[in-house]
Amino acid sequence: MPETSDSANSSVEHQHGSANHVTIVIPSREDDWEPKPECCIYKVPIDLRNIKEEAYTPHIISIGPFHYGKKELMDMEKQKKRYIRIFSERKGKEKLVEMKSYIKSREQNIRNCYYEQPFYKSKSKSDWILRKLCNDHDKFVEMILYDVVFIIELFLRHHWEVVDFLLEKPRYKNTIKRDLQLLENQLPYFFLNKLYDLATKGFDTYKGSSYKDPPFLSVSCKFFRDDDFSGVCEPLSSKDVKHFTDLRRYFQMENHPTSKKQGKVEDLPCATKLDESGVRFRPIAEDGECLLNLKFKPGLVLVPFSKNELKIPRIKVNDWTEPLIRNVMALEQCHYPKDTHVCNYIAFMDSLINTEKDADLLIEKGIIVNCLGESKKVAEMFNDFCLHTSKSSSCYYDMAEDLKRHYKSRYYKAKATLKSVYFSNPWKGTGTVVGIIILLGTTVNTSFWLDTPSGKKCYMISPREFDIYAQSWFSILNSNTDFMHHLGIPDCRFFKELVTRVVGCPFEIGGKITTSLLSPTTTYIAYLVFTKNWIDNDPAEVTVGLAGSNNGQSRTVYIHQEQQDGDDGGFYQK
């Protein structure tokens, strides 16, 4: 078998007589490529970049090789040179030589941290510059040195509050903070940490020899920690951080929630639908609260005014929110495909925010602090976040299932309707009271009775219909008027009408409520609602039990008017 090879490829030829000639080209090692184990800095996948390229592109400064040499970023190269000069004056030229030697000795380790394959075959001008840079070892080392010194000087000047126009002008400072957290604009954190130790060891600080520069992890967190993460603790070790995008992810998910049962969150009702079904949205505004730490607290089934609360940490939405979240999500897609915690949180919020009305609701509740202007922009931002992303099993799966069960529950819909129609204002002249709670049976042969203080009974013969014969619980003295009417509940599918007592002396109610929605195999809750023109602490002896048995339980019930602890009004029932 003859074999030929050159620097580009090897070919294997096999001869079967004079008629058949087969050539196999074996790729050379130069064509081999796979990311190294240290790889943690990526080019953003093209499908994500195409959605909003601006979110992944630095505005004023390039760090690392991916955006090096771009014309629109050249002004900040002058500031890097200024910082090199300041650093040399403070630390001495020998320190720069020591740092450059260390970079040169670790050059391959640094290169291994970058996902470099996409630009090798590219023909674009920017990638041609990048390819040339990566083939020029001296240029690569010099680029890394300038970037490292810029970051070290910037963080120390920020920590010691040194006068510097890059830090004093919000436009520069905020844009630099944004650019330094983009996924494609990174240096390996372990490497930055080591060079920081070399740069600060044995030298005076900006405050003099009696002070000591803090660890790099501390100055990093101080620079990037903003109002949203003011109470978040630092990572335990710099080994836990890959780079500044990863540090941002840490801030967002510190002490993130976990769940034994995880799965894909699908078909979650939006915020307005959940609100209409009785879910109450509340913000969590404590310092240091994990952004991902959503909590759902189901209310008590048989208590009319118990709260079903979905608590969501407050999130500020401004011009920098989208690029920072998008870059963390891109990092999870590339580096943490089995732990997409931030992506799962965003997907949950995306399910809640379908339209501008959903965004308005969460803004009104104080969960979203909108600094963008129109709430439509907030809705569009959340709706676009998850395009072309994949998610791992979500820790919000159980919560989503609970919310879906709540939304589909006929009882909770009836309860929400009653509250919105009859209890929207607790201080009306005529108070509305839930007088009787009837538990409808689970089998067709079961019937219930309810005793009133007069000894008369309310019977429910079957789950398909029931009769009400009940004497009023309340005595209204000095009243000689007797007036009753039937009141329908708007948008209520459970009861066609309810008997309502408006004013008068002790009375009896007689009537029948029939509904085709009652099922012989399902437990339902029904309310008898009546009103009176004043409310006081009127006790009522109520007994509920199985018809024909003596196992009924009696209790004294006080129903009175009292403000709830929330902002939506209502009553307490004692």
Protein backbone atom coordinates (compact mmCIF):
# COMPACT_ATOMS: atom_id res chain seq x y z
CA MET A 1 0.00 0.00 0.00
CA PRO A 2 1.83 3.11 -1.11
CA GLU A 3 1.39 6.19 1.11
CA THR A 4 2.04 9.85 0.45
CA SER A 5 1.80 12.76 2.84
CA ASP A 6 2.44 16.49 3.04
CA SER A 7 1.97 19.25 5.61
CA ALA A 8 -1.71 19.64 4.78
CA ASN A 9 -2.93 16.09 4.58
CA SER A 10 -2.07 12.45 4.10
CA SER A 11 -3.48 10.27 1.37
CA VAL A 12 -3.78 6.52 1.35
CA GLU A 13 -4.01 4.85 -2.07
CA HIS A 14 -5.09 1.28 -2.65
CA GLN A 15 -4.66 -0.37 -6.07
CA HIS A 16 -6.98 -3.16 -7.25
CA GLY A 17 -5.60 -3.88 -10.66
CA SER A 18 -5.30 -1.20 -13.28
CA ALA A 19 -9.01 -0.34 -13.43
CA ASN A 20 -9.74 0.64 -9.82
CA HIS A 21 -7.85 3.36 -8.00
CA VAL A 22 -9.11 4.67 -4.56
CA THR A 23 -7.62 7.65 -2.72
CA ILE A 24 -8.42 8.43 0.94
CA VAL A 25 -7.41 11.83 2.30
CA ILE A 26 -6.62 11.78 6.04
CA PRO A 27 -6.87 15.23 7.70
CA SER A 28 -3.73 16.55 9.33
CA ARG A 29 -3.53 17.40 13.02
CA GLU A 30 -3.82 21.08 12.13
CA ASP A 31 -7.46 20.45 11.23
CA ASP A 32 -8.17 18.75 14.55
CA TRP A 33 -10.02 20.91 17.05
CA GLU A 34 -11.98 20.49 20.25
CA PRO A 35 -12.32 22.77 23.27
CA LYS A 36 -9.86 22.19 26.09
CA PRO A 37 -11.05 21.29 29.62
CA GLU A 38 -10.16 24.83 30.76
CA CYS A 39 -12.41 26.42 28.12
CA CYS A 40 -14.86 28.89 29.68
CA ILE A 41 -14.86 31.96 27.37
CA TYR A 42 -17.03 31.56 24.27
CA LYS A 43 -18.16 33.26 21.12
CA VAL A 44 -21.92 33.77 21.52
CA PRO A 45 -23.79 31.21 19.36
CA ILE A 46 -24.82 32.79 16.07
CA ASP A 47 -28.56 32.15 16.53
CA LEU A 48 -28.50 34.05 19.85
CA ARG A 49 -26.36 36.84 18.44
CA ASN A 50 -28.71 37.34 15.49
CA ILE A 51 -31.63 38.08 17.85
CA LYS A 52 -29.89 41.12 19.31
CA GLU A 53 -26.25 41.51 18.28
CA GLU A 54 -25.84 44.79 20.13
CA ALA A 55 -26.41 43.04 23.47
CA TYR A 56 -23.26 40.93 23.04
CA THR A 57 -20.98 43.59 21.55
CA PRO A 58 -18.77 45.93 23.63
CA HIS A 59 -19.47 49.64 23.28
CA ILE A 60 -16.18 51.28 24.28
CA ILE A 61 -13.57 48.74 25.43
CA SER A 62 -12.28 45.37 24.27
CA ILE A 63 -10.85 42.82 26.69
CA GLY A 64 -9.21 39.66 25.42
CA PRO A 65 -8.82 38.56 21.80
CA PHE A 66 -12.38 38.34 20.42
CA HIS A 67 -12.93 42.10 19.85
CA TYR A 68 -9.32 43.23 19.72
CA GLY A 69 -8.41 45.81 17.08
CA LYS A 70 -11.93 47.01 16.25
CA LYS A 71 -11.87 50.60 15.05
CA GLU A 72 -14.83 51.74 17.18
CA LEU A 73 -13.00 50.61 20.36
CA MET A 74 -9.61 52.22 19.68
CA ASP A 75 -10.20 55.32 21.85
CA MET A 76 -10.08 53.20 25.00
CA GLU A 77 -6.70 51.77 23.92
CA LYS A 78 -5.32 55.22 24.78
CA GLN A 79 -6.69 54.84 28.32
CA LYS A 80 -5.02 51.43 28.60
CA LYS A 81 -1.70 53.09 27.74
CA ARG A 82 -2.38 55.81 30.34
CA TYR A 83 -2.99 53.15 32.99
CA ILE A 84 0.21 51.30 31.98
CA ARG A 85 2.16 54.53 32.53
CA ILE A 86 0.48 55.19 35.90
CA PHE A 87 1.10 51.61 36.99
CA SER A 88 4.77 51.80 35.96
CA GLU A 89 5.23 55.03 37.94
CA ARG A 90 3.66 53.48 41.03
CA LYS A 91 5.12 49.99 40.90
CA GLY A 92 8.22 50.34 38.76
CA LYS A 93 9.07 49.02 35.32
CA GLU A 94 10.49 45.85 36.86
CA LYS A 95 7.02 44.87 38.03
CA LEU A 96 5.71 45.13 34.46
CA VAL A 97 8.58 42.93 33.26
CA GLU A 98 7.77 40.35 35.94
CA MET A 99 4.09 40.30 34.97
CA LYS A 100 4.88 40.03 31.25
CA SER A 101 7.21 37.09 31.90
CA TYR A 102 4.46 35.34 33.85
CA ILE A 103 1.97 35.89 31.01
CA LYS A 104 4.45 34.50 28.49
CA SER A 105 5.02 31.38 30.59
CA ARG A 106 1.26 30.79 30.84
CA GLU A 107 0.32 31.78 27.29
CA GLN A 108 -0.97 28.35 26.27
CA ASN A 109 -3.02 28.03 29.47
CA ILE A 110 -4.64 31.36 28.65
CA ARG A 111 -5.35 30.34 25.06
CA ASN A 112 -6.94 27.10 26.26
CA CYS A 113 -9.61 29.14 28.09
CA TYR A 114 -10.94 30.53 24.80
CA TYR A 115 -13.27 28.79 22.39
CA GLU A 116 -11.17 29.83 19.41
CA GLN A 117 -12.33 27.47 16.65
CA PRO A 118 -14.98 29.71 14.97
CA PHE A 119 -12.56 32.43 13.83
CA TYR A 120 -9.83 30.24 12.30
CA LYS A 121 -11.61 29.85 8.95
CA SER A 122 -13.48 33.17 8.97
CA LYS A 123 -12.79 35.69 6.19
CA SER A 124 -14.17 38.77 8.00
CA LYS A 125 -11.75 41.61 8.71
CA SER A 126 -12.20 41.48 12.49
CA ASP A 127 -11.57 37.74 12.58
CA TRP A 128 -8.57 38.17 10.27
CA ILE A 129 -7.11 40.56 12.86
CA LEU A 130 -7.90 38.03 15.55
CA ARG A 131 -6.29 35.21 13.60
CA LYS A 132 -3.18 37.31 13.05
CA LEU A 133 -3.10 38.19 16.75
CA CYS A 134 -3.32 34.57 17.80
CA ASN A 135 -0.45 33.65 15.48
CA ASP A 136 1.72 36.48 16.83
CA HIS A 137 2.83 35.36 20.29
CA ASP A 138 4.48 38.63 21.30
CA LYS A 139 1.43 40.65 20.24
CA PHE A 140 -0.87 38.30 22.14
CA VAL A 141 1.20 38.62 25.35
CA GLU A 142 1.29 42.42 25.04
CA MET A 143 -2.49 42.58 24.55
CA ILE A 144 -3.06 40.48 27.68
CA LEU A 145 -0.66 42.63 29.72
CA TYR A 146 -2.40 45.89 28.74
CA ASP A 147 -5.83 44.44 29.52
CA VAL A 148 -4.72 43.04 32.89
CA VAL A 149 -3.09 46.28 34.02
CA PHE A 150 -6.15 48.29 32.95
CA ILE A 151 -8.48 46.09 35.02
CA ILE A 152 -6.19 46.09 38.09
CA GLU A 153 -5.73 49.87 38.02
CA LEU A 154 -9.43 50.50 37.40
CA PHE A 155 -10.53 48.31 40.33
CA LEU A 156 -7.94 49.75 42.74
CA ARG A 157 -8.73 53.34 41.79
CA HIS A 158 -12.42 52.58 42.31
CA HIS A 159 -11.75 50.93 45.68
CA TRP A 160 -9.54 53.72 47.03
CA GLU A 161 -11.75 56.43 45.49
CA VAL A 162 -8.97 57.95 43.40
CA VAL A 163 -10.04 60.83 41.17
CA ASP A 164 -10.40 59.53 37.61
CA PHE A 165 -12.71 60.77 34.88
CA LEU A 166 -13.50 57.17 33.83
CA LEU A 167 -15.02 56.61 37.27
CA GLU A 168 -16.46 60.06 37.91
CA LYS A 169 -18.55 60.23 34.75
CA PRO A 170 -21.47 57.75 34.93
CA ARG A 171 -21.55 57.37 31.15
CA TYR A 172 -18.01 55.95 31.11
CA LYS A 173 -18.20 53.99 34.34
CA ASN A 174 -21.53 52.29 33.58
CA THR A 175 -20.54 51.44 30.02
CA ILE A 176 -17.20 49.98 31.14
CA LYS A 177 -19.02 47.90 33.77
CA ARG A 178 -21.36 46.64 31.07
CA ASP A 179 -18.57 45.80 28.62
CA LEU A 180 -16.49 43.99 31.24
CA GLN A 181 -19.38 41.58 31.87
CA LEU A 182 -19.96 40.51 28.26
CA LEU A 183 -19.19 36.86 27.56
CA GLU A 184 -16.91 37.55 24.58
CA ASN A 185 -14.99 40.26 26.47
CA GLN A 186 -13.30 38.23 29.20
CA LEU A 187 -9.97 37.17 30.69
CA PRO A 188 -9.67 34.00 32.81
CA TYR A 189 -10.33 34.90 36.44
CA PHE A 190 -7.67 32.61 37.93
CA PHE A 191 -5.10 34.35 35.77
CA LEU A 192 -6.27 37.86 36.70
CA ASN A 193 -6.20 36.89 40.35
CA LYS A 194 -2.59 35.66 40.12
CA LEU A 195 -1.35 38.77 38.30
CA TYR A 196 -3.17 41.00 40.81
CA ASP A 197 -1.29 39.27 43.62
CA LEU A 198 1.99 39.86 41.77
CA ALA A 199 1.12 43.52 41.17
CA THR A 200 0.12 44.36 44.76
CA LYS A 201 2.60 42.27 46.73
CA GLY A 202 5.06 44.32 48.79
CA PHE A 203 4.10 47.74 47.43
CA ASP A 204 2.38 50.80 48.83
CA THR A 205 -1.29 51.31 48.06
CA TYR A 206 -2.94 54.48 46.83
CA LYS A 207 -3.46 55.33 50.52
CA GLY A 208 0.16 54.78 51.54
CA SER A 209 2.23 52.05 53.21
CA SER A 210 -0.03 51.79 56.27
CA TYR A 211 -2.82 50.37 54.11
CA LYS A 212 -3.08 47.05 52.31
CA ASP A 213 -4.82 46.37 49.03
CA PRO A 214 -7.75 43.96 49.55
CA PRO A 215 -7.93 40.62 47.69
CA PHE A 216 -8.85 40.72 44.02
CA LEU A 217 -12.16 38.99 44.70
CA SER A 218 -13.16 41.82 47.05
CA VAL A 219 -12.29 44.66 44.67
CA SER A 220 -14.02 42.78 41.82
CA CYS A 221 -17.25 42.36 43.78
CA LYS A 222 -17.13 45.96 44.97
CA PHE A 223 -16.78 47.24 41.40
CA PHE A 224 -19.57 45.13 39.89
CA ARG A 225 -21.97 44.91 42.81
CA ASP A 226 -24.75 47.40 42.17
CA ASP A 227 -27.99 48.27 43.94
CA ASP A 228 -29.63 45.05 42.76
CA PHE A 229 -27.01 42.92 44.53
CA SER A 230 -25.94 45.19 47.39
CA GLY A 231 -26.56 42.49 49.99
CA VAL A 232 -25.11 39.54 48.08
CA CYS A 233 -22.11 37.90 49.73
CA GLU A 234 -18.83 37.36 47.92
CA PRO A 235 -18.02 33.90 46.57
CA LEU A 236 -16.15 31.77 49.09
CA SER A 237 -13.16 31.45 46.77
CA SER A 238 -11.86 32.93 43.53
CA LYS A 239 -11.69 29.32 42.29
CA ASP A 240 -15.50 29.40 42.13
CA VAL A 241 -15.41 32.15 39.46
CA LYS A 242 -14.50 31.60 35.79
CA HIS A 243 -14.60 35.27 34.74
CA PHE A 244 -16.69 38.43 35.23
CA THR A 245 -19.73 37.07 33.36
CA ASP A 246 -19.64 34.10 35.69
CA LEU A 247 -19.38 36.48 38.67
CA ARG A 248 -22.56 38.22 37.48
CA ARG A 249 -24.25 34.82 37.31
CA TYR A 250 -23.13 34.14 40.88
CA PHE A 251 -24.68 37.43 42.05
CA GLN A 252 -27.97 36.48 40.38
CA MET A 253 -28.22 32.94 41.73
CA GLU A 254 -26.55 32.92 45.15
CA ASN A 255 -28.55 30.53 47.39
CA HIS A 256 -30.79 29.73 44.45
CA PRO A 257 -33.84 27.52 45.18
CA THR A 258 -33.71 23.77 44.79
CA SER A 259 -36.44 21.20 44.41
CA LYS A 260 -36.45 17.42 44.77
CA LYS A 261 -38.85 17.10 41.85
CA GLN A 262 -37.74 18.87 38.69
CA GLY A 263 -39.07 18.97 35.17
CA LYS A 264 -39.98 21.21 32.26
CA VAL A 265 -42.31 24.12 33.02
CA GLU A 266 -45.00 24.22 30.35
CA ASP A 267 -48.37 25.97 29.82
CA LEU A 268 -48.08 28.21 32.89
CA PRO A 269 -50.93 30.79 32.94
CA CYS A 270 -49.86 34.40 32.57
CA ALA A 271 -49.86 36.90 35.43
CA THR A 272 -53.25 38.47 34.66
CA LYS A 273 -54.96 35.08 34.48
CA LEU A 274 -53.41 34.00 37.77
CA ASP A 275 -54.43 37.31 39.31
CA GLU A 276 -58.04 36.79 38.17
CA SER A 277 -58.02 33.32 39.72
CA GLY A 278 -57.05 34.76 43.10
CA VAL A 279 -53.24 34.57 43.14
CA ARG A 280 -51.80 37.56 44.93
CA PHE A 281 -48.44 38.85 43.63
CA ARG A 282 -46.04 40.29 46.18
CA PRO A 283 -42.47 41.61 45.80
CA ILE A 284 -39.49 40.47 47.85
CA ALA A 285 -37.32 43.53 48.38
CA GLU A 286 -34.84 42.41 51.07
CA ASP A 287 -31.15 43.09 50.46
CA GLY A 288 -29.25 39.98 49.48
CA GLU A 289 -32.33 38.06 48.38
CA CYS A 290 -31.55 35.71 45.52
CA LEU A 291 -33.12 36.95 42.28
CA LEU A 292 -34.18 33.40 41.47
CA ASN A 293 -35.86 32.70 44.81
CA LEU A 294 -39.56 32.68 43.86
CA LYS A 295 -42.03 31.41 46.47
CA PHE A 296 -45.64 30.27 46.16
CA LYS A 297 -47.76 29.96 49.29
CA PRO A 298 -51.16 28.30 48.65
CA GLY A 299 -54.07 29.58 50.72
CA LEU A 300 -56.33 27.47 52.91
CA VAL A 301 -59.05 25.84 50.85
CA LEU A 302 -62.00 26.39 53.21
CA VAL A 303 -61.08 29.89 54.33
CA PRO A 304 -62.67 32.45 52.00
CA PHE A 305 -60.08 35.18 52.51
CA SER A 306 -56.88 33.21 52.90
CA LYS A 307 -54.23 34.36 50.46
CA ASN A 308 -52.62 32.47 47.61
CA GLU A 309 -49.36 34.40 47.33
CA LEU A 310 -46.68 34.27 44.66
CA LYS A 311 -43.65 36.14 46.00
CA ILE A 312 -41.07 37.28 43.44
CA PRO A 313 -37.81 39.13 44.18
CA ARG A 314 -37.85 42.68 42.88
CA ILE A 315 -35.97 43.23 39.61
CA LYS A 316 -34.94 46.59 38.22
CA VAL A 317 -35.24 46.82 34.43
CA ASN A 318 -33.07 49.47 32.78
CA ASP A 319 -30.86 49.90 29.71
CA TRP A 320 -28.23 47.45 31.02
CA THR A 321 -30.62 44.71 32.16
CA GLU A 322 -31.05 43.01 28.80
CA PRO A 323 -27.37 42.72 27.76
CA LEU A 324 -26.30 41.48 31.19
CA ILE A 325 -29.04 38.85 31.39
CA ARG A 326 -28.51 37.78 27.78
CA ASN A 327 -24.79 37.23 28.34
CA VAL A 328 -25.37 35.18 31.48
CA MET A 329 -27.92 33.10 29.57
CA ALA A 330 -25.42 32.63 26.72
CA LEU A 331 -22.82 31.48 29.26
CA GLU A 332 -25.27 28.89 30.60
CA GLN A 333 -26.06 27.67 27.10
CA CYS A 334 -22.35 27.17 26.35
CA HIS A 335 -20.84 26.20 29.72
CA TYR A 336 -23.65 25.10 32.07
CA PRO A 337 -26.13 23.26 29.81
CA LYS A 338 -27.28 21.03 32.69
CA ASP A 339 -27.55 23.88 35.20
CA THR A 340 -29.42 26.63 33.36
CA HIS A 341 -30.76 28.22 36.54
CA VAL A 342 -30.93 31.79 35.20
CA CYS A 343 -32.46 30.58 31.92
CA ASN A 344 -35.11 28.69 33.90
CA TYR A 345 -35.91 31.79 35.96
CA ILE A 346 -36.23 33.91 32.81
CA ALA A 347 -38.44 31.23 31.20
CA PHE A 348 -40.73 31.32 34.26
CA MET A 349 -40.97 35.12 34.08
CA ASP A 350 -41.55 34.89 30.32
CA SER A 351 -44.54 32.62 31.02
CA LEU A 352 -45.95 35.18 33.45
CA ILE A 353 -45.42 38.10 31.05
CA ASN A 354 -47.23 37.43 27.79
CA THR A 355 -48.58 40.89 27.10
CA GLU A 356 -48.27 44.50 28.14
CA LYS A 357 -51.09 43.95 30.65
CA ASP A 358 -49.04 41.29 32.43
CA ALA A 359 -46.06 43.66 32.62
CA ASP A 360 -48.34 46.42 33.95
CA LEU A 361 -49.60 44.10 36.69
CA LEU A 362 -46.10 43.15 37.90
CA ILE A 363 -44.99 46.79 37.72
CA GLU A 364 -48.06 47.85 39.72
CA LYS A 365 -47.30 45.18 42.35
CA GLY A 366 -43.73 46.45 42.73
CA ILE A 367 -42.09 43.28 41.39
CA ILE A 368 -40.65 45.01 38.32
CA VAL A 369 -39.11 48.46 38.67
CA ASN A 370 -39.50 49.82 35.15
CA CYS A 371 -36.82 52.28 34.06
CA LEU A 372 -37.42 51.71 30.34
CA GLY A 373 -40.54 53.85 30.00
CA GLU A 374 -43.27 51.90 28.23
CA SER A 375 -44.33 48.62 29.83
CA LYS A 376 -44.59 47.22 26.30
CA LYS A 377 -40.78 47.27 26.13
CA VAL A 378 -40.60 45.19 29.31
CA ALA A 379 -42.98 42.59 27.88
CA GLU A 380 -41.10 42.41 24.57
CA MET A 381 -37.77 42.03 26.36
CA PHE A 382 -38.93 39.05 28.43
CA ASN A 383 -40.70 37.48 25.44
CA ASP A 384 -37.47 37.50 23.38
CA PHE A 385 -35.08 36.29 26.07
CA CYS A 386 -35.69 32.56 25.62
CA LEU A 387 -35.61 32.38 21.82
CA HIS A 388 -33.16 29.69 20.64
CA THR A 389 -32.33 28.58 24.18
CA SER A 390 -32.62 25.19 25.79
CA LYS A 391 -33.35 24.70 29.46
CA SER A 392 -32.40 22.01 31.95
CA SER A 393 -34.94 20.58 34.40
CA SER A 394 -36.40 23.47 36.36
CA CYS A 395 -36.54 23.88 40.13
CA TYR A 396 -39.81 25.79 39.51
CA TYR A 397 -41.59 22.67 38.23
CA ASP A 398 -43.51 21.96 41.47
CA MET A 399 -44.44 25.62 41.83
CA ALA A 400 -45.69 25.78 38.26
CA GLU A 401 -47.80 22.66 38.75
CA ASP A 402 -49.33 24.13 41.93
CA LEU A 403 -50.15 27.35 40.09
CA LYS A 404 -51.73 25.45 37.20
CA ARG A 405 -53.86 23.38 39.60
CA HIS A 406 -54.90 26.57 41.36
CA TYR A 407 -55.82 28.24 38.07
CA LYS A 408 -57.89 25.27 36.88
CA SER A 409 -59.70 24.92 40.22
CA ARG A 410 -63.38 25.93 39.95
CA TYR A 411 -63.42 26.64 43.65
CA TYR A 412 -60.69 29.26 43.44
CA LYS A 413 -62.35 30.92 40.45
CA ALA A 414 -65.64 31.15 42.37
CA LYS A 415 -63.80 32.42 45.42
CA ALA A 416 -62.00 35.09 43.40
CA THR A 417 -65.28 36.18 41.79
CA LEU A 418 -67.01 36.48 45.16
CA LYS A 419 -64.19 38.55 46.53
CA SER A 420 -63.99 40.89 43.55
CA VAL A 421 -67.78 41.42 43.37
CA TYR A 422 -68.78 41.54 47.03
CA PHE A 423 -65.67 42.43 49.01
CA SER A 424 -63.84 45.00 46.90
CA ASN A 425 -64.55 47.74 49.48
CA PRO A 426 -64.90 46.70 53.14
CA TRP A 427 -66.18 50.09 54.27
CA LYS A 428 -69.34 50.28 52.20
CA GLY A 429 -72.48 51.29 54.13
CA THR A 430 -73.98 47.88 53.43
CA GLY A 431 -71.55 45.13 54.41
CA THR A 432 -71.41 41.84 52.57
CA VAL A 433 -70.88 38.67 54.57
CA VAL A 434 -70.25 35.07 53.64
CA GLY A 435 -72.82 33.50 55.87
CA ILE A 436 -72.73 29.75 55.21
CA ILE A 437 -70.07 27.46 53.77
CA ILE A 438 -71.49 24.19 52.46
CA LEU A 439 -69.28 21.24 51.60
CA LEU A 440 -70.93 19.34 48.78
CA GLY A 441 -70.56 15.59 48.83
CA THR A 442 -68.37 13.34 46.75
CA THR A 443 -70.96 10.66 46.01
CA VAL A 444 -74.45 10.90 44.63
CA ASN A 445 -76.05 9.24 47.67
CA THR A 446 -74.55 11.58 50.24
CA SER A 447 -76.63 14.39 51.72
CA PHE A 448 -75.79 17.05 54.27
CA TRP A 449 -77.70 19.15 56.71
CA LEU A 450 -76.88 22.42 58.39
CA ASP A 451 -78.49 23.48 61.66
CA THR A 452 -79.30 27.09 62.48
CA PRO A 453 -79.91 28.45 65.99
CA SER A 454 -83.67 28.16 65.41
CA GLY A 455 -83.37 24.41 64.94
CA LYS A 456 -84.32 24.49 61.27
CA LYS A 457 -82.20 22.54 58.85
CA CYS A 458 -80.72 23.18 55.42
CA TYR A 459 -80.75 19.97 53.34
CA MET A 460 -78.69 19.10 50.30
CA ILE A 461 -80.23 15.99 48.73
CA SER A 462 -77.71 15.31 45.94
CA PRO A 463 -74.71 17.00 44.40
CA ARG A 464 -76.87 18.03 41.43
CA GLU A 465 -79.07 20.47 43.37
CA PHE A 466 -79.82 21.57 46.88
CA ASP A 467 -82.56 23.43 48.77
CA ILE A 468 -81.95 26.17 51.29
CA TYR A 469 -84.31 26.70 54.22
CA ALA A 470 -82.45 28.77 56.77
CA GLN A 471 -83.35 31.39 59.34
CA SER A 472 -81.16 34.49 59.52
CA TRP A 473 -78.26 34.24 61.93
CA PHE A 474 -78.54 37.87 62.90
CA SER A 475 -81.10 39.75 64.96
CA ILE A 476 -81.86 43.22 63.66
CA LEU A 477 -83.64 45.13 66.40
CA ASN A 478 -86.18 47.86 65.83
CA SER A 479 -86.73 46.92 62.22
CA ASN A 480 -90.11 46.22 60.73
CA THR A 481 -89.20 46.08 57.05
CA ASP A 482 -88.80 42.83 55.19
CA PHE A 483 -87.39 42.90 51.67
CA MET A 484 -85.54 40.23 49.73
CA HIS A 485 -84.27 39.91 46.18
CA HIS A 486 -82.17 37.53 44.10
CA LEU A 487 -78.75 38.73 43.01
CA GLY A 488 -76.80 37.20 40.14
CA ILE A 489 -72.98 37.08 40.18
CA PRO A 490 -71.37 38.45 37.01
CA ASP A 491 -69.08 35.97 35.24
CA CYS A 492 -69.76 33.27 37.81
CA ARG A 493 -70.38 29.84 36.24
CA PHE A 494 -71.06 28.09 39.51
CA PHE A 495 -74.39 29.50 40.72
CA LYS A 496 -77.16 31.01 38.68
CA GLU A 497 -78.27 33.26 41.50
CA LEU A 498 -77.85 33.91 45.20
CA VAL A 499 -80.50 35.01 47.65
CA THR A 500 -79.57 38.39 49.11
CA ARG A 501 -81.02 39.93 52.23
CA VAL A 502 -80.95 43.72 51.98
CA VAL A 503 -82.71 45.02 55.07
CA GLY A 504 -85.30 43.79 57.55
CA CYS A 505 -86.05 41.83 60.69
CA PRO A 506 -85.27 38.12 61.29
CA PHE A 507 -86.34 36.22 58.21
CA GLU A 508 -86.34 32.84 56.53
CA ILE A 509 -84.96 32.08 53.06
CA GLY A 510 -86.57 29.52 50.84
CA GLY A 511 -85.26 28.65 47.42
CA LYS A 512 -83.39 26.19 45.27
CA ILE A 513 -80.03 26.53 43.52
CA THR A 514 -79.43 24.18 40.61
CA THR A 515 -76.31 23.89 38.47
CA SER A 516 -75.20 21.38 35.89
CA LEU A 517 -71.57 21.91 36.85
CA LEU A 518 -71.84 19.88 40.04
CA SER A 519 -70.32 16.43 39.62
CA PRO A 520 -71.20 13.33 41.68
CA THR A 521 -67.50 12.53 42.10
CA THR A 522 -66.06 15.94 42.84
CA THR A 523 -65.93 17.99 46.01
CA TYR A 524 -67.20 21.56 45.65
CA ILE A 525 -67.58 24.57 47.87
CA ALA A 526 -70.72 26.72 47.76
CA TYR A 527 -71.42 30.04 49.45
CA LEU A 528 -74.70 31.49 50.65
CA VAL A 529 -74.11 35.23 50.47
CA PHE A 530 -76.35 37.79 52.11
CA THR A 531 -76.01 41.47 52.99
CA LYS A 532 -77.25 43.70 55.80
CA ASN A 533 -77.05 47.44 56.35
CA TRP A 534 -74.76 47.28 59.37
CA ILE A 535 -72.35 44.78 60.90
CA ASP A 536 -71.42 44.04 64.48
CA ASN A 537 -69.97 41.06 66.31
CA ASP A 538 -72.99 38.79 66.04
CA PRO A 539 -72.32 35.21 67.13
CA ALA A 540 -74.00 32.33 65.37
CA GLU A 541 -74.13 28.69 66.40
CA VAL A 542 -73.47 26.60 63.29
CA THR A 543 -73.54 22.82 62.98
CA VAL A 544 -72.50 20.84 59.91
CA GLY A 545 -72.79 17.07 59.62
CA LEU A 546 -74.13 14.09 57.67
CA ALA A 547 -77.90 13.94 57.36
CA GLY A 548 -79.44 11.27 59.55
CA SER A 549 -76.44 11.03 61.87
CA ASN A 550 -75.43 12.60 65.14
CA ASN A 551 -71.83 13.35 64.30
CA GLY A 552 -72.30 17.00 63.41
CA GLN A 553 -69.87 19.52 64.87
CA SER A 554 -71.03 22.84 66.32
CA ARG A 555 -69.08 26.04 66.73
CA THR A 556 -69.78 29.69 67.42
CA VAL A 557 -68.86 31.93 64.50
CA TYR A 558 -68.20 35.66 64.71
CA ILE A 559 -68.34 37.53 61.44
CA HIS A 560 -67.33 41.14 61.63
CA GLN A 561 -65.85 43.88 59.53
CA GLU A 562 -62.07 44.35 59.76
CA GLN A 563 -59.35 45.66 57.46
CA GLN A 564 -56.91 43.07 56.12
CA ASP A 565 -53.15 43.56 56.28
CA GLY A 566 -52.89 43.98 52.51
CA ASP A 567 -53.79 46.73 50.15
CA ASP A 568 -56.74 45.11 48.48
CA GLY A 569 -59.32 45.33 51.28
CA GLY A 570 -61.53 42.56 52.54
CA PHE A 571 -62.55 40.97 55.83
CA TYR A 572 -61.19 38.69 58.46
CA GLN A 573 -63.47 35.88 59.57
CA LYS A 574 -63.02 34.79 63.18
